[in-house]
PDB file of all heavy atoms in Angstrom:
ATOM      1  N   THR A   1     -81.373  -3.365   0.548  1.00  0.00           N
ATOM      2  CA  THR A   1     -81.460  -3.662   1.975  1.00  0.00           C
ATOM      3  C   THR A   1     -80.327  -4.511   2.473  1.00  0.00           C
ATOM      4  O   THR A   1     -79.760  -4.221   3.558  1.00  0.00           O
ATOM      5  CB  THR A   1     -82.846  -4.324   2.199  1.00  0.00           C
ATOM      6  OG1 THR A   1     -83.867  -3.326   1.844  1.00  0.00           O
ATOM      7  CG2 THR A   1     -82.965  -4.633   3.648  1.00  0.00           C
ATOM      8  N   ALA A   2     -80.010  -5.511   1.725  1.00  0.00           N
ATOM      9  CA  ALA A   2     -78.857  -6.408   2.222  1.00  0.00           C
ATOM     10  C   ALA A   2     -77.591  -5.567   2.363  1.00  0.00           C
ATOM     11  O   ALA A   2     -76.827  -5.824   3.380  1.00  0.00           O
ATOM     12  CB  ALA A   2     -78.739  -7.545   1.139  1.00  0.00           C
ATOM     13  N   LEU A   3     -77.267  -4.691   1.449  1.00  0.00           N
ATOM     14  CA  LEU A   3     -76.046  -3.857   1.587  1.00  0.00           C
ATOM     15  C   LEU A   3     -76.099  -2.900   2.752  1.00  0.00           C
ATOM     16  O   LEU A   3     -75.083  -2.811   3.450  1.00  0.00           O
ATOM     17  CB  LEU A   3     -75.805  -3.146   0.259  1.00  0.00           C
ATOM     18  CG  LEU A   3     -74.485  -2.349   0.172  1.00  0.00           C
ATOM     19  CD1 LEU A   3     -73.328  -3.340   0.386  1.00  0.00           C
ATOM     20  CD2 LEU A   3     -74.362  -1.669  -1.206  1.00  0.00           C
ATOM     21  N   GLU A   4     -77.252  -2.305   3.006  1.00  0.00           N
ATOM     22  CA  GLU A   4     -77.414  -1.425   4.131  1.00  0.00           C
ATOM     23  C   GLU A   4     -77.255  -2.214   5.401  1.00  0.00           C
ATOM     24  O   GLU A   4     -76.706  -1.727   6.390  1.00  0.00           O
ATOM     25  CB  GLU A   4     -78.644  -0.594   4.085  1.00  0.00           C
ATOM     26  CG  GLU A   4     -78.576   0.417   2.961  1.00  0.00           C
ATOM     27  CD  GLU A   4     -79.805   1.423   3.007  1.00  0.00           C
ATOM     28  OE1 GLU A   4     -80.441   1.488   4.035  1.00  0.00           O
ATOM     29  OE2 GLU A   4     -80.056   2.113   1.988  1.00  0.00           O
ATOM     30  N   MET A   5     -77.762  -3.460   5.475  1.00  0.00           N
ATOM     31  CA  MET A   5     -77.642  -4.246   6.680  1.00  0.00           C
ATOM     32  C   MET A   5     -76.183  -4.588   6.968  1.00  0.00           C
ATOM     33  O   MET A   5     -75.741  -4.575   8.115  1.00  0.00           O
ATOM     34  CB  MET A   5     -78.474  -5.489   6.497  1.00  0.00           C
ATOM     35  CG  MET A   5     -79.932  -5.327   6.452  1.00  0.00           C
ATOM     36  SD  MET A   5     -80.871  -6.872   6.160  1.00  0.00           S
ATOM     37  CE  MET A   5     -80.416  -7.910   7.513  1.00  0.00           C
ATOM     38  N   ALA A   6     -75.480  -4.965   5.911  1.00  0.00           N
ATOM     39  CA  ALA A   6     -73.986  -5.356   6.089  1.00  0.00           C
ATOM     40  C   ALA A   6     -73.254  -4.055   6.530  1.00  0.00           C
ATOM     41  O   ALA A   6     -72.355  -4.209   7.381  1.00  0.00           O
ATOM     42  CB  ALA A   6     -73.425  -5.843   4.767  1.00  0.00           C
ATOM     43  N   ARG A   7     -73.503  -2.956   5.911  1.00  0.00           N
ATOM     44  CA  ARG A   7     -72.726  -1.789   6.276  1.00  0.00           C
ATOM     45  C   ARG A   7     -73.232  -1.310   7.746  1.00  0.00           C
ATOM     46  O   ARG A   7     -72.385  -0.971   8.638  1.00  0.00           O
ATOM     47  CB  ARG A   7     -73.159  -0.607   5.347  1.00  0.00           C
ATOM     48  CG  ARG A   7     -72.636  -0.645   4.008  1.00  0.00           C
ATOM     49  CD  ARG A   7     -73.223   0.416   3.119  1.00  0.00           C
ATOM     50  NE  ARG A   7     -72.673   0.491   1.753  1.00  0.00           N
ATOM     51  CZ  ARG A   7     -73.253   1.166   0.844  1.00  0.00           C
ATOM     52  NH1 ARG A   7     -74.329   1.867   1.029  1.00  0.00           N
ATOM     53  NH2 ARG A   7     -72.643   1.176  -0.367  1.00  0.00           N
ATOM     54  N   GLY A   8     -74.467  -1.597   8.068  1.00  0.00           N
ATOM     55  CA  GLY A   8     -74.963  -1.153   9.426  1.00  0.00           C
ATOM     56  C   GLY A   8     -74.373  -1.968  10.573  1.00  0.00           C
ATOM     57  O   GLY A   8     -73.987  -1.479  11.552  1.00  0.00           O
ATOM     58  N   VAL A   9     -74.336  -3.335  10.362  1.00  0.00           N
ATOM     59  CA  VAL A   9     -73.716  -4.149  11.351  1.00  0.00           C
ATOM     60  C   VAL A   9     -72.250  -3.920  11.565  1.00  0.00           C
ATOM     61  O   VAL A   9     -71.682  -3.990  12.756  1.00  0.00           O
ATOM     62  CB  VAL A   9     -74.145  -5.613  11.215  1.00  0.00           C
ATOM     63  CG1 VAL A   9     -73.122  -6.247  10.194  1.00  0.00           C
ATOM     64  CG2 VAL A   9     -74.038  -6.333  12.517  1.00  0.00           C
ATOM     65  N   ARG A  10     -71.544  -3.586  10.494  1.00  0.00           N
ATOM     66  CA  ARG A  10     -70.156  -3.254  10.608  1.00  0.00           C
ATOM     67  C   ARG A  10     -69.901  -2.032  11.402  1.00  0.00           C
ATOM     68  O   ARG A  10     -69.095  -1.964  12.287  1.00  0.00           O
ATOM     69  CB  ARG A  10     -69.560  -3.137   9.248  1.00  0.00           C
ATOM     70  CG  ARG A  10     -68.004  -2.906   9.156  1.00  0.00           C
ATOM     71  CD  ARG A  10     -67.617  -2.726   7.735  1.00  0.00           C
ATOM     72  NE  ARG A  10     -66.202  -2.354   7.747  1.00  0.00           N
ATOM     73  CZ  ARG A  10     -65.669  -1.498   6.830  1.00  0.00           C
ATOM     74  NH1 ARG A  10     -66.432  -1.086   5.837  1.00  0.00           N
ATOM     75  NH2 ARG A  10     -64.373  -1.117   6.858  1.00  0.00           N
ATOM     76  N   ALA A  11     -70.811  -0.892  11.117  1.00  0.00           N
ATOM     77  CA  ALA A  11     -70.701   0.258  11.895  1.00  0.00           C
ATOM     78  C   ALA A  11     -71.079   0.040  13.367  1.00  0.00           C
ATOM     79  O   ALA A  11     -70.502   0.638  14.283  1.00  0.00           O
ATOM     80  CB  ALA A  11     -71.601   1.268  11.231  1.00  0.00           C
ATOM     81  N   LEU A  12     -72.110  -0.755  13.631  1.00  0.00           N
ATOM     82  CA  LEU A  12     -72.677  -0.976  14.968  1.00  0.00           C
ATOM     83  C   LEU A  12     -71.600  -1.651  15.762  1.00  0.00           C
ATOM     84  O   LEU A  12     -71.470  -1.296  16.987  1.00  0.00           O
ATOM     85  CB  LEU A  12     -73.853  -1.851  14.882  1.00  0.00           C
ATOM     86  CG  LEU A  12     -74.465  -2.216  16.155  1.00  0.00           C
ATOM     87  CD1 LEU A  12     -75.156  -0.996  16.890  1.00  0.00           C
ATOM     88  CD2 LEU A  12     -75.567  -3.329  15.986  1.00  0.00           C
ATOM     89  N   THR A  13     -70.914  -2.651  15.262  1.00  0.00           N
ATOM     90  CA  THR A  13     -69.914  -3.444  16.014  1.00  0.00           C
ATOM     91  C   THR A  13     -68.458  -3.059  15.960  1.00  0.00           C
ATOM     92  O   THR A  13     -67.618  -3.416  16.767  1.00  0.00           O
ATOM     93  CB  THR A  13     -70.043  -4.878  15.652  1.00  0.00           C
ATOM     94  OG1 THR A  13     -69.723  -5.030  14.215  1.00  0.00           O
ATOM     95  CG2 THR A  13     -71.511  -5.404  15.837  1.00  0.00           C
ATOM     96  N   GLY A  14     -68.154  -2.282  14.863  1.00  0.00           N
ATOM     97  CA  GLY A  14     -66.755  -2.007  14.664  1.00  0.00           C
ATOM     98  C   GLY A  14     -65.947  -3.071  14.092  1.00  0.00           C
ATOM     99  O   GLY A  14     -64.737  -3.029  14.066  1.00  0.00           O
ATOM    100  N   ALA A  15     -66.673  -4.159  13.530  1.00  0.00           N
ATOM    101  CA  ALA A  15     -65.984  -5.253  12.889  1.00  0.00           C
ATOM    102  C   ALA A  15     -65.299  -4.879  11.614  1.00  0.00           C
ATOM    103  O   ALA A  15     -65.721  -3.914  10.954  1.00  0.00           O
ATOM    104  CB  ALA A  15     -66.938  -6.350  12.702  1.00  0.00           C
ATOM    105  N   ASP A  16     -64.304  -5.626  11.184  1.00  0.00           N
ATOM    106  CA  ASP A  16     -63.668  -5.304   9.866  1.00  0.00           C
ATOM    107  C   ASP A  16     -64.530  -5.792   8.677  1.00  0.00           C
ATOM    108  O   ASP A  16     -64.489  -5.111   7.693  1.00  0.00           O
ATOM    109  CB  ASP A  16     -62.341  -6.098   9.803  1.00  0.00           C
ATOM    110  CG  ASP A  16     -61.339  -5.795  10.912  1.00  0.00           C
ATOM    111  OD1 ASP A  16     -60.992  -4.562  10.888  1.00  0.00           O
ATOM    112  OD2 ASP A  16     -60.931  -6.544  11.641  1.00  0.00           O
ATOM    113  N   VAL A  17     -65.393  -6.757   8.954  1.00  0.00           N
ATOM    114  CA  VAL A  17     -66.232  -7.271   7.918  1.00  0.00           C
ATOM    115  C   VAL A  17     -67.747  -7.371   8.440  1.00  0.00           C
ATOM    116  O   VAL A  17     -67.822  -7.854   9.499  1.00  0.00           O
ATOM    117  CB  VAL A  17     -65.777  -8.653   7.415  1.00  0.00           C
ATOM    118  CG1 VAL A  17     -66.656  -9.214   6.333  1.00  0.00           C
ATOM    119  CG2 VAL A  17     -64.317  -8.656   6.971  1.00  0.00           C
ATOM    120  N   GLY A  18     -68.649  -6.888   7.687  1.00  0.00           N
ATOM    121  CA  GLY A  18     -70.001  -7.137   7.986  1.00  0.00           C
ATOM    122  C   GLY A  18     -70.642  -7.857   6.924  1.00  0.00           C
ATOM    123  O   GLY A  18     -70.472  -7.732   5.781  1.00  0.00           O
ATOM    124  N   VAL A  19     -71.537  -8.857   7.279  1.00  0.00           N
ATOM    125  CA  VAL A  19     -72.265  -9.718   6.350  1.00  0.00           C
ATOM    126  C   VAL A  19     -73.672  -9.595   6.673  1.00  0.00           C
ATOM    127  O   VAL A  19     -74.102  -9.483   7.830  1.00  0.00           O
ATOM    128  CB  VAL A  19     -71.703 -11.135   6.190  1.00  0.00           C
ATOM    129  CG1 VAL A  19     -70.342 -11.110   5.549  1.00  0.00           C
ATOM    130  CG2 VAL A  19     -71.654 -11.770   7.562  1.00  0.00           C
ATOM    131  N   SER A  20     -74.560  -9.946   5.742  1.00  0.00           N
ATOM    132  CA  SER A  20     -75.988  -9.850   6.008  1.00  0.00           C
ATOM    133  C   SER A  20     -76.775 -10.837   5.064  1.00  0.00           C
ATOM    134  O   SER A  20     -76.295 -11.284   4.023  1.00  0.00           O
ATOM    135  CB  SER A  20     -76.562  -8.409   5.638  1.00  0.00           C
ATOM    136  OG  SER A  20     -76.501  -8.156   4.279  1.00  0.00           O
ATOM    137  N   THR A  21     -77.938 -11.234   5.562  1.00  0.00           N
ATOM    138  CA  THR A  21     -78.840 -12.111   4.841  1.00  0.00           C
ATOM    139  C   THR A  21     -80.294 -11.581   4.900  1.00  0.00           C
ATOM    140  O   THR A  21     -80.709 -11.209   6.017  1.00  0.00           O
ATOM    141  CB  THR A  21     -78.874 -13.550   5.421  1.00  0.00           C
ATOM    142  OG1 THR A  21     -79.334 -13.596   6.776  1.00  0.00           O
ATOM    143  CG2 THR A  21     -77.469 -14.154   5.502  1.00  0.00           C
ATOM    144  N   THR A  22     -80.949 -11.562   3.848  1.00  0.00           N
ATOM    145  CA  THR A  22     -82.374 -11.202   3.748  1.00  0.00           C
ATOM    146  C   THR A  22     -83.027 -12.008   2.622  1.00  0.00           C
ATOM    147  O   THR A  22     -82.455 -12.009   1.574  1.00  0.00           O
ATOM    148  CB  THR A  22     -82.610  -9.668   3.703  1.00  0.00           C
ATOM    149  OG1 THR A  22     -84.010  -9.416   3.660  1.00  0.00           O
ATOM    150  CG2 THR A  22     -81.958  -9.115   2.431  1.00  0.00           C
ATOM    151  N   GLY A  23     -84.181 -12.666   2.873  1.00  0.00           N
ATOM    152  CA  GLY A  23     -84.714 -13.470   1.936  1.00  0.00           C
ATOM    153  C   GLY A  23     -86.057 -14.073   2.232  1.00  0.00           C
ATOM    154  O   GLY A  23     -86.603 -13.728   3.383  1.00  0.00           O
ATOM    155  N   ILE A  24     -86.592 -14.889   1.397  1.00  0.00           N
ATOM    156  CA  ILE A  24     -87.917 -15.538   1.555  1.00  0.00           C
ATOM    157  C   ILE A  24     -87.647 -16.991   1.754  1.00  0.00           C
ATOM    158  O   ILE A  24     -87.406 -17.727   0.751  1.00  0.00           O
ATOM    159  CB  ILE A  24     -88.829 -15.217   0.398  1.00  0.00           C
ATOM    160  CG1 ILE A  24     -88.938 -13.738   0.217  1.00  0.00           C
ATOM    161  CG2 ILE A  24     -90.210 -15.891   0.657  1.00  0.00           C
ATOM    162  CD1 ILE A  24     -89.637 -13.378  -1.083  1.00  0.00           C
ATOM    163  N   ALA A  25     -87.682 -17.506   3.012  1.00  0.00           N
ATOM    164  CA  ALA A  25     -87.372 -18.831   3.247  1.00  0.00           C
ATOM    165  C   ALA A  25     -88.582 -19.795   3.032  1.00  0.00           C
ATOM    166  O   ALA A  25     -88.369 -21.013   2.879  1.00  0.00           O
ATOM    167  CB  ALA A  25     -86.889 -19.014   4.717  1.00  0.00           C
ATOM    168  N   GLY A  26     -89.723 -19.255   2.994  1.00  0.00           N
ATOM    169  CA  GLY A  26     -90.896 -20.070   2.676  1.00  0.00           C
ATOM    170  C   GLY A  26     -91.493 -20.816   3.943  1.00  0.00           C
ATOM    171  O   GLY A  26     -91.066 -20.590   5.037  1.00  0.00           O
ATOM    172  N   PRO A  27     -92.540 -21.603   3.772  1.00  0.00           N
ATOM    173  CA  PRO A  27     -93.054 -22.096   2.435  1.00  0.00           C
ATOM    174  C   PRO A  27     -93.911 -20.990   1.830  1.00  0.00           C
ATOM    175  O   PRO A  27     -94.227 -21.079   0.625  1.00  0.00           O
ATOM    176  CB  PRO A  27     -93.822 -23.279   2.754  1.00  0.00           C
ATOM    177  CG  PRO A  27     -94.166 -23.160   4.206  1.00  0.00           C
ATOM    178  CD  PRO A  27     -93.113 -22.454   4.794  1.00  0.00           C
ATOM    179  N   GLY A  28     -94.421 -19.992   2.574  1.00  0.00           N
ATOM    180  CA  GLY A  28     -95.215 -18.959   2.026  1.00  0.00           C
ATOM    181  C   GLY A  28     -94.361 -17.750   1.842  1.00  0.00           C
ATOM    182  O   GLY A  28     -93.241 -17.637   2.094  1.00  0.00           O
ATOM    183  N   GLY A  29     -95.100 -16.586   1.388  1.00  0.00           N
ATOM    184  CA  GLY A  29     -94.455 -15.266   1.232  1.00  0.00           C
ATOM    185  C   GLY A  29     -93.869 -14.995  -0.089  1.00  0.00           C
ATOM    186  O   GLY A  29     -93.443 -13.851  -0.252  1.00  0.00           O
ATOM    187  N   GLY A  30     -93.820 -15.962  -0.978  1.00  0.00           N
ATOM    188  CA  GLY A  30     -93.211 -15.674  -2.266  1.00  0.00           C
ATOM    189  C   GLY A  30     -94.205 -14.925  -3.248  1.00  0.00           C
ATOM    190  O   GLY A  30     -95.412 -15.057  -3.134  1.00  0.00           O
TER     191      GLY A  30
END
């Protein structure tokens, strides 16, 4: 999912670099 997000935002904006974050910040959900 992280890779598809990075690719997707790069395609959406036309930027040279796309970066993404996805995770479990807590305190619940783990």
